[in-house]
Amino acid sequence: MPTIGFWELVLILLIVLLVFGAAKLPEIGRAMGKAIREFKKAAGEAGKDDAEKDKDKVSSKDL
């Protein structure tokens, strides 16, 4: 699977700059950062919930 090189990344960033404009880029970056933080938080909570369910299953089998 080919990787994205430096020049491909520069080209993508230039296209994004042309499409959205320089004024919108900070808003887009902020929104992406917020979305990633929320996703990580939700994924972490889901993992904790799954671990607690597994722990409950194991302890209920012991009874």
PDB file of N, CA and C in Angstrom:
ATOM      1  N   MET A   1       0.844  -1.171   0.000  1.00  0.00           N
ATOM      2  CA  MET A   1       0.000   0.000   0.000  1.00  0.00           C
ATOM      3  C   MET A   1       0.895   1.241   0.000  1.00  0.00           C
ATOM      4  N   PRO A   2       0.731   2.107  -0.976  1.00  0.00           N
ATOM      5  CA  PRO A   2       1.600   3.284  -1.043  1.00  0.00           C
ATOM      6  C   PRO A   2       1.286   4.272   0.079  1.00  0.00           C
ATOM      7  N   THR A   3       2.323   4.973   0.503  1.00  0.00           N
ATOM      8  CA  THR A   3       2.155   5.969   1.558  1.00  0.00           C
ATOM      9  C   THR A   3       2.047   7.351   0.933  1.00  0.00           C
ATOM     10  N   ILE A   4       1.509   8.276   1.698  1.00  0.00           N
ATOM     11  CA  ILE A   4       1.397   9.653   1.228  1.00  0.00           C
ATOM     12  C   ILE A   4       2.709  10.355   1.529  1.00  0.00           C
ATOM     13  N   GLY A   5       3.344  10.855   0.484  1.00  0.00           N
ATOM     14  CA  GLY A   5       4.614  11.540   0.642  1.00  0.00           C
ATOM     15  C   GLY A   5       4.427  13.011   0.947  1.00  0.00           C
ATOM     16  N   PHE A   6       5.542  13.701   1.067  1.00  0.00           N
ATOM     17  CA  PHE A   6       5.521  15.127   1.404  1.00  0.00           C
ATOM     18  C   PHE A   6       4.789  15.937   0.344  1.00  0.00           C
ATOM     19  N   TRP A   7       5.108  15.712  -0.921  1.00  0.00           N
ATOM     20  CA  TRP A   7       4.523  16.530  -1.990  1.00  0.00           C
ATOM     21  C   TRP A   7       3.031  16.252  -2.158  1.00  0.00           C
ATOM     22  N   GLU A   8       2.607  15.035  -1.934  1.00  0.00           N
ATOM     23  CA  GLU A   8       1.182  14.730  -1.988  1.00  0.00           C
ATOM     24  C   GLU A   8       0.432  15.454  -0.876  1.00  0.00           C
ATOM     25  N   LEU A   9       1.047  15.491   0.304  1.00  0.00           N
ATOM     26  CA  LEU A   9       0.451  16.182   1.439  1.00  0.00           C
ATOM     27  C   LEU A   9       0.366  17.686   1.176  1.00  0.00           C
ATOM     28  N   VAL A  10       1.407  18.258   0.593  1.00  0.00           N
ATOM     29  CA  VAL A  10       1.403  19.681   0.241  1.00  0.00           C
ATOM     30  C   VAL A  10       0.305  19.959  -0.770  1.00  0.00           C
ATOM     31  N   LEU A  11       0.144  19.107  -1.754  1.00  0.00           N
ATOM     32  CA  LEU A  11      -0.897  19.285  -2.761  1.00  0.00           C
ATOM     33  C   LEU A  11      -2.289  19.231  -2.140  1.00  0.00           C
ATOM     34  N   ILE A  12      -2.514  18.299  -1.239  1.00  0.00           N
ATOM     35  CA  ILE A  12      -3.809  18.189  -0.567  1.00  0.00           C
ATOM     36  C   ILE A  12      -4.089  19.450   0.243  1.00  0.00           C
ATOM     37  N   LEU A  13      -3.085  19.935   0.977  1.00  0.00           N
ATOM     38  CA  LEU A  13      -3.261  21.148   1.779  1.00  0.00           C
ATOM     39  C   LEU A  13      -3.549  22.366   0.904  1.00  0.00           C
ATOM     40  N   LEU A  14      -2.894  22.463  -0.246  1.00  0.00           N
ATOM     41  CA  LEU A  14      -3.168  23.577  -1.164  1.00  0.00           C
ATOM     42  C   LEU A  14      -4.587  23.516  -1.720  1.00  0.00           C
ATOM     43  N   ILE A  15      -5.050  22.332  -2.050  1.00  0.00           N
ATOM     44  CA  ILE A  15      -6.419  22.180  -2.544  1.00  0.00           C
ATOM     45  C   ILE A  15      -7.420  22.566  -1.459  1.00  0.00           C
ATOM     46  N   VAL A  16      -7.163  22.140  -0.225  1.00  0.00           N
ATOM     47  CA  VAL A  16      -8.046  22.505   0.896  1.00  0.00           C
ATOM     48  C   VAL A  16      -8.045  24.009   1.081  1.00  0.00           C
ATOM     49  N   LEU A  17      -6.885  24.635   0.975  1.00  0.00           N
ATOM     50  CA  LEU A  17      -6.781  26.084   1.118  1.00  0.00           C
ATOM     51  C   LEU A  17      -7.573  26.789   0.029  1.00  0.00           C
ATOM     52  N   LEU A  18      -7.495  26.300  -1.182  1.00  0.00           N
ATOM     53  CA  LEU A  18      -8.242  26.913  -2.287  1.00  0.00           C
ATOM     54  C   LEU A  18      -9.748  26.719  -2.142  1.00  0.00           C
ATOM     55  N   VAL A  19     -10.161  25.561  -1.677  1.00  0.00           N
ATOM     56  CA  VAL A  19     -11.590  25.267  -1.572  1.00  0.00           C
ATOM     57  C   VAL A  19     -12.230  26.038  -0.418  1.00  0.00           C
ATOM     58  N   PHE A  20     -11.599  26.026   0.755  1.00  0.00           N
ATOM     59  CA  PHE A  20     -12.219  26.613   1.940  1.00  0.00           C
ATOM     60  C   PHE A  20     -11.769  28.039   2.214  1.00  0.00           C
ATOM     61  N   GLY A  21     -10.620  28.420   1.747  1.00  0.00           N
ATOM     62  CA  GLY A  21     -10.103  29.751   2.019  1.00  0.00           C
ATOM     63  C   GLY A  21      -9.344  29.792   3.339  1.00  0.00           C
ATOM     64  N   ALA A  22      -8.488  30.795   3.451  1.00  0.00           N
ATOM     65  CA  ALA A  22      -7.626  30.897   4.627  1.00  0.00           C
ATOM     66  C   ALA A  22      -8.410  31.221   5.891  1.00  0.00           C
ATOM     67  N   ALA A  23      -9.508  31.926   5.783  1.00  0.00           N
ATOM     68  CA  ALA A  23     -10.280  32.324   6.959  1.00  0.00           C
ATOM     69  C   ALA A  23     -10.974  31.130   7.615  1.00  0.00           C
ATOM     70  N   LYS A  24     -11.348  30.138   6.829  1.00  0.00           N
ATOM     71  CA  LYS A  24     -12.074  28.982   7.363  1.00  0.00           C
ATOM     72  C   LYS A  24     -11.165  27.902   7.936  1.00  0.00           C
ATOM     73  N   LEU A  25      -9.896  27.898   7.593  1.00  0.00           N
ATOM     74  CA  LEU A  25      -8.993  26.828   8.038  1.00  0.00           C
ATOM     75  C   LEU A  25      -8.897  26.711   9.560  1.00  0.00           C
ATOM     76  N   PRO A  26      -8.771  27.804  10.321  1.00  0.00           N
ATOM     77  CA  PRO A  26      -8.738  27.636  11.785  1.00  0.00           C
ATOM     78  C   PRO A  26     -10.024  27.030  12.339  1.00  0.00           C
ATOM     79  N   GLU A  27     -11.161  27.405  11.774  1.00  0.00           N
ATOM     80  CA  GLU A  27     -12.439  26.827  12.209  1.00  0.00           C
ATOM     81  C   GLU A  27     -12.492  25.334  11.913  1.00  0.00           C
ATOM     82  N   ILE A  28     -12.034  24.947  10.745  1.00  0.00           N
ATOM     83  CA  ILE A  28     -12.029  23.538  10.354  1.00  0.00           C
ATOM     84  C   ILE A  28     -11.094  22.747  11.260  1.00  0.00           C
ATOM     85  N   GLY A  29      -9.911  23.292  11.519  1.00  0.00           N
ATOM     86  CA  GLY A  29      -8.958  22.623  12.404  1.00  0.00           C
ATOM     87  C   GLY A  29      -9.507  22.466  13.811  1.00  0.00           C
ATOM     88  N   ARG A  30     -10.154  23.504  14.312  1.00  0.00           N
ATOM     89  CA  ARG A  30     -10.742  23.453  15.650  1.00  0.00           C
ATOM     90  C   ARG A  30     -11.837  22.396  15.708  1.00  0.00           C
ATOM     91  N   ALA A  31     -12.685  22.363  14.683  1.00  0.00           N
ATOM     92  CA  ALA A  31     -13.767  21.384  14.642  1.00  0.00           C
ATOM     93  C   ALA A  31     -13.231  19.960  14.542  1.00  0.00           C
ATOM     94  N   MET A  32     -12.191  19.761  13.746  1.00  0.00           N
ATOM     95  CA  MET A  32     -11.589  18.433  13.626  1.00  0.00           C
ATOM     96  C   MET A  32     -10.965  17.997  14.948  1.00  0.00           C
ATOM     97  N   GLY A  33     -10.274  18.904  15.623  1.00  0.00           N
ATOM     98  CA  GLY A  33      -9.672  18.585  16.912  1.00  0.00           C
ATOM     99  C   GLY A  33     -10.726  18.210  17.948  1.00  0.00           C
ATOM    100  N   LYS A  34     -11.812  18.972  17.964  1.00  0.00           N
ATOM    101  CA  LYS A  34     -12.896  18.684  18.907  1.00  0.00           C
ATOM    102  C   LYS A  34     -13.522  17.321  18.611  1.00  0.00           C
ATOM    103  N   ALA A  35     -13.718  17.029  17.336  1.00  0.00           N
ATOM    104  CA  ALA A  35     -14.313  15.751  16.949  1.00  0.00           C
ATOM    105  C   ALA A  35     -13.407  14.586  17.338  1.00  0.00           C
ATOM    106  N   ILE A  36     -12.110  14.747  17.146  1.00  0.00           N
ATOM    107  CA  ILE A  36     -11.164  13.685  17.493  1.00  0.00           C
ATOM    108  C   ILE A  36     -11.142  13.469  19.004  1.00  0.00           C
ATOM    109  N   ARG A  37     -11.137  14.570  19.785  1.00  0.00           N
ATOM    110  CA  ARG A  37     -11.161  14.439  21.256  1.00  0.00           C
ATOM    111  C   ARG A  37     -12.418  13.724  21.716  1.00  0.00           C
ATOM    112  N   GLU A  38     -13.570  14.092  21.155  1.00  0.00           N
ATOM    113  CA  GLU A  38     -14.827  13.446  21.546  1.00  0.00           C
ATOM    114  C   GLU A  38     -14.831  11.969  21.173  1.00  0.00           C
ATOM    115  N   PHE A  39     -14.270  11.645  20.008  1.00  0.00           N
ATOM    116  CA  PHE A  39     -14.200  10.255  19.580  1.00  0.00           C
ATOM    117  C   PHE A  39     -13.328   9.437  20.529  1.00  0.00           C
ATOM    118  N   LYS A  40     -12.155   9.985  20.876  1.00  0.00           N
ATOM    119  CA  LYS A  40     -11.260   9.280  21.788  1.00  0.00           C
ATOM    120  C   LYS A  40     -11.914   9.095  23.151  1.00  0.00           C
ATOM    121  N   LYS A  41     -12.616  10.117  23.623  1.00  0.00           N
ATOM    122  CA  LYS A  41     -13.290  10.035  24.909  1.00  0.00           C
ATOM    123  C   LYS A  41     -14.365   8.949  24.875  1.00  0.00           C
ATOM    124  N   ALA A  42     -15.167   8.932  23.817  1.00  0.00           N
ATOM    125  CA  ALA A  42     -16.232   7.938  23.692  1.00  0.00           C
ATOM    126  C   ALA A  42     -15.650   6.531  23.550  1.00  0.00           C
ATOM    127  N   ALA A  43     -14.575   6.403  22.797  1.00  0.00           N
ATOM    128  CA  ALA A  43     -13.950   5.094  22.624  1.00  0.00           C
ATOM    129  C   ALA A  43     -13.375   4.604  23.955  1.00  0.00           C
ATOM    130  N   GLY A  44     -12.802   5.496  24.731  1.00  0.00           N
ATOM    131  CA  GLY A  44     -12.257   5.117  26.035  1.00  0.00           C
ATOM    132  C   GLY A  44     -13.359   4.696  26.996  1.00  0.00           C
ATOM    133  N   GLU A  45     -14.474   5.424  26.980  1.00  0.00           N
ATOM    134  CA  GLU A  45     -15.599   5.069  27.848  1.00  0.00           C
ATOM    135  C   GLU A  45     -16.208   3.738  27.433  1.00  0.00           C
ATOM    136  N   ALA A  46     -16.288   3.491  26.136  1.00  0.00           N
ATOM    137  CA  ALA A  46     -16.838   2.229  25.655  1.00  0.00           C
ATOM    138  C   ALA A  46     -15.940   1.072  26.071  1.00  0.00           C
ATOM    139  N   GLY A  47     -14.641   1.280  26.031  1.00  0.00           N
ATOM    140  CA  GLY A  47     -13.704   0.243  26.458  1.00  0.00           C
ATOM    141  C   GLY A  47     -13.830  -0.049  27.938  1.00  0.00           C
ATOM    142  N   LYS A  48     -14.037   0.991  28.741  1.00  0.00           N
ATOM    143  CA  LYS A  48     -14.212   0.799  30.182  1.00  0.00           C
ATOM    144  C   LYS A  48     -15.511   0.062  30.466  1.00  0.00           C
ATOM    145  N   ASP A  49     -16.574   0.442  29.731  1.00  0.00           N
ATOM    146  CA  ASP A  49     -17.858  -0.233  29.914  1.00  0.00           C
ATOM    147  C   ASP A  49     -17.753  -1.710  29.557  1.00  0.00           C
ATOM    148  N   ASP A  50     -17.054  -2.015  28.462  1.00  0.00           N
ATOM    149  CA  ASP A  50     -16.877  -3.409  28.057  1.00  0.00           C
ATOM    150  C   ASP A  50     -16.078  -4.179  29.102  1.00  0.00           C
ATOM    151  N   ALA A  51     -15.048  -3.543  29.653  1.00  0.00           N
ATOM    152  CA  ALA A  51     -14.231  -4.203  30.667  1.00  0.00           C
ATOM    153  C   ALA A  51     -15.056  -4.487  31.924  1.00  0.00           C
ATOM    154  N   GLU A  52     -15.913  -3.540  32.304  1.00  0.00           N
ATOM    155  CA  GLU A  52     -16.762  -3.749  33.478  1.00  0.00           C
ATOM    156  C   GLU A  52     -17.766  -4.871  33.230  1.00  0.00           C
ATOM    157  N   LYS A  53     -18.333  -4.945  32.028  1.00  0.00           N
ATOM    158  CA  LYS A  53     -19.280  -6.012  31.700  1.00  0.00           C
ATOM    159  C   LYS A  53     -18.590  -7.374  31.754  1.00  0.00           C
ATOM    160  N   ASP A  54     -17.366  -7.432  31.194  1.00  0.00           N
ATOM    161  CA  ASP A  54     -16.618  -8.685  31.222  1.00  0.00           C
ATOM    162  C   ASP A  54     -16.297  -9.079  32.654  1.00  0.00           C
ATOM    163  N   LYS A  55     -15.947  -8.104  33.482  1.00  0.00           N
ATOM    164  CA  LYS A  55     -15.639  -8.378  34.888  1.00  0.00           C
ATOM    165  C   LYS A  55     -16.882  -8.896  35.610  1.00  0.00           C
ATOM    166  N   ASP A  56     -18.055  -8.292  35.313  1.00  0.00           N
ATOM    167  CA  ASP A  56     -19.302  -8.740  35.926  1.00  0.00           C
ATOM    168  C   ASP A  56     -19.633 -10.157  35.491  1.00  0.00           C
ATOM    169  N   LYS A  57     -19.385 -10.487  34.225  1.00  0.00           N
ATOM    170  CA  LYS A  57     -19.665 -11.836  33.731  1.00  0.00           C
ATOM    171  C   LYS A  57     -18.794 -12.863  34.456  1.00  0.00           C
ATOM    172  N   VAL A  58     -17.522 -12.530  34.624  1.00  0.00           N
ATOM    173  CA  VAL A  58     -16.605 -13.447  35.286  1.00  0.00           C
ATOM    174  C   VAL A  58     -17.012 -13.639  36.737  1.00  0.00           C
ATOM    175  N   SER A  59     -17.366 -12.570  37.430  1.00  0.00           N
ATOM    176  CA  SER A  59     -17.721 -12.690  38.844  1.00  0.00           C
ATOM    177  C   SER A  59     -19.063 -13.398  39.024  1.00  0.00           C
ATOM    178  N   SER A  60     -19.970 -13.259  38.066  1.00  0.00           N
ATOM    179  CA  SER A  60     -21.254 -13.948  38.194  1.00  0.00           C
ATOM    180  C   SER A  60     -21.095 -15.442  37.917  1.00  0.00           C
ATOM    181  N   LYS A  61     -20.119 -15.828  37.117  1.00  0.00           N
ATOM    182  CA  LYS A  61     -19.852 -17.242  36.864  1.00  0.00           C
ATOM    183  C   LYS A  61     -19.240 -17.896  38.097  1.00  0.00           C
ATOM    184  N   ASP A  62     -18.507 -17.124  38.875  1.00  0.00           N
ATOM    185  CA  ASP A  62     -17.873 -17.660  40.081  1.00  0.00           C
ATOM    186  C   ASP A  62     -18.903 -18.013  41.144  1.00  0.00           C
ATOM    187  N   LEU A  63     -20.064 -17.385  41.098  1.00  0.00           N
ATOM    188  CA  LEU A  63     -21.085 -17.646  42.119  1.00  0.00           C
ATOM    189  C   LEU A  63     -21.756 -18.923  41.815  1.00  0.00           C
TER     190      LEU A  63
END
